[in-house]
Amino acid sequence: MDGDAKVRARIMEHWQASEQGDSVAEHAIMEFSGGLVAHETQYFADPFDPPEWRAALAEHMPGRSG
């Protein structure tokens, strides 16, 4: 499994655990202390232009391609 696939798999595990209320499994991306989030790791995709069918719904961001 490549790095991107591993990240996607961990994110899916996080969302599934979140849906089930499993805070122990959520620790894969979030760390808790005293019932509060102490640290959260977020992953973001590189900027990309919207596909043609969605372009009318997208908002251009200054300094970005497109």
C-alpha atoms as a PDB file:
ATOM      1  CA  MET A   1       0.000   0.000   0.000  1.00  0.00           C
ATOM      2  CA  ASP A   2       1.466   3.394  -0.991  1.00  0.00           C
ATOM      3  CA  GLY A   3       1.597   6.415   1.332  1.00  0.00           C
ATOM      4  CA  ASP A   4      -1.546   8.051  -0.069  1.00  0.00           C
ATOM      5  CA  ALA A   5      -3.527   4.836   0.282  1.00  0.00           C
ATOM      6  CA  LYS A   6      -2.385   4.517   3.904  1.00  0.00           C
ATOM      7  CA  VAL A   7      -3.519   8.061   4.672  1.00  0.00           C
ATOM      8  CA  ARG A   8      -6.900   7.475   3.007  1.00  0.00           C
ATOM      9  CA  ALA A   9      -7.340   4.230   4.957  1.00  0.00           C
ATOM     10  CA  ARG A  10      -6.548   5.978   8.271  1.00  0.00           C
ATOM     11  CA  ILE A  11      -8.993   8.783   7.488  1.00  0.00           C
ATOM     12  CA  MET A  12     -11.714   6.231   6.698  1.00  0.00           C
ATOM     13  CA  GLU A  13     -10.961   4.448   9.988  1.00  0.00           C
ATOM     14  CA  HIS A  14     -11.293   7.787  11.769  1.00  0.00           C
ATOM     15  CA  TRP A  15     -14.676   8.621  10.201  1.00  0.00           C
ATOM     16  CA  GLN A  16     -16.030   5.126  10.847  1.00  0.00           C
ATOM     17  CA  ALA A  17     -14.886   5.281  14.470  1.00  0.00           C
ATOM     18  CA  SER A  18     -16.417   8.735  14.791  1.00  0.00           C
ATOM     19  CA  GLU A  19     -19.763   7.484  13.453  1.00  0.00           C
ATOM     20  CA  GLN A  20     -19.672   4.629  15.962  1.00  0.00           C
ATOM     21  CA  GLY A  21     -18.624   6.880  18.857  1.00  0.00           C
ATOM     22  CA  ASP A  22     -15.383   4.928  19.299  1.00  0.00           C
ATOM     23  CA  SER A  23     -13.044   7.570  20.776  1.00  0.00           C
ATOM     24  CA  VAL A  24     -10.249   5.016  21.252  1.00  0.00           C
ATOM     25  CA  ALA A  25     -10.043   4.277  17.505  1.00  0.00           C
ATOM     26  CA  GLU A  26     -10.349   7.995  16.730  1.00  0.00           C
ATOM     27  CA  HIS A  27      -6.966   8.500  18.373  1.00  0.00           C
ATOM     28  CA  ALA A  28      -5.430   7.505  15.025  1.00  0.00           C
ATOM     29  CA  ILE A  29      -5.872  11.155  14.004  1.00  0.00           C
ATOM     30  CA  MET A  30      -7.014  12.862  17.205  1.00  0.00           C
ATOM     31  CA  GLU A  31      -5.466  12.813  20.654  1.00  0.00           C
ATOM     32  CA  PHE A  32      -7.683  13.477  23.660  1.00  0.00           C
ATOM     33  CA  SER A  33      -6.883  14.741  27.128  1.00  0.00           C
ATOM     34  CA  GLY A  34      -9.560  14.965  29.780  1.00  0.00           C
ATOM     35  CA  GLY A  35     -12.293  14.313  27.212  1.00  0.00           C
ATOM     36  CA  LEU A  36     -11.133  17.229  25.038  1.00  0.00           C
ATOM     37  CA  VAL A  37      -9.165  17.231  21.792  1.00  0.00           C
ATOM     38  CA  ALA A  38      -5.516  17.930  22.657  1.00  0.00           C
ATOM     39  CA  HIS A  39      -4.058  17.423  19.157  1.00  0.00           C
ATOM     40  CA  GLU A  40      -5.568  16.822  15.727  1.00  0.00           C
ATOM     41  CA  THR A  41      -3.787  15.882  12.509  1.00  0.00           C
ATOM     42  CA  GLN A  42      -5.507  17.068   9.340  1.00  0.00           C
ATOM     43  CA  TYR A  43      -4.688  16.116   5.768  1.00  0.00           C
ATOM     44  CA  PHE A  44      -5.377  18.366   2.789  1.00  0.00           C
ATOM     45  CA  ALA A  45      -5.122  17.674  -0.920  1.00  0.00           C
ATOM     46  CA  ASP A  46      -2.990  19.834  -3.186  1.00  0.00           C
ATOM     47  CA  PRO A  47      -5.022  22.617  -4.874  1.00  0.00           C
ATOM     48  CA  PHE A  48      -6.788  21.518  -8.053  1.00  0.00           C
ATOM     49  CA  ASP A  49      -9.119  23.005 -10.627  1.00  0.00           C
ATOM     50  CA  PRO A  50     -12.729  21.784 -10.383  1.00  0.00           C
ATOM     51  CA  PRO A  51     -13.988  19.382 -13.026  1.00  0.00           C
ATOM     52  CA  GLU A  52     -15.970  21.060 -15.806  1.00  0.00           C
ATOM     53  CA  TRP A  53     -19.333  19.796 -14.504  1.00  0.00           C
ATOM     54  CA  ARG A  54     -18.689  21.480 -11.135  1.00  0.00           C
ATOM     55  CA  ALA A  55     -16.835  24.633 -12.232  1.00  0.00           C
ATOM     56  CA  ALA A  56     -19.945  26.852 -12.031  1.00  0.00           C
ATOM     57  CA  LEU A  57     -20.306  25.963  -8.323  1.00  0.00           C
ATOM     58  CA  ALA A  58     -16.661  26.597  -7.435  1.00  0.00           C
ATOM     59  CA  GLU A  59     -15.291  29.876  -6.130  1.00  0.00           C
ATOM     60  CA  HIS A  60     -11.912  31.080  -7.413  1.00  0.00           C
ATOM     61  CA  MET A  61      -9.340  31.633  -4.673  1.00  0.00           C
ATOM     62  CA  PRO A  62      -6.825  34.448  -5.324  1.00  0.00           C
ATOM     63  CA  GLY A  63      -3.265  33.204  -5.710  1.00  0.00           C
ATOM     64  CA  ARG A  64      -4.391  29.723  -6.749  1.00  0.00           C
ATOM     65  CA  SER A  65      -4.466  28.146 -10.209  1.00  0.00           C
ATOM     66  CA  GLY A  66      -7.671  28.331 -12.214  1.00  0.00           C
END
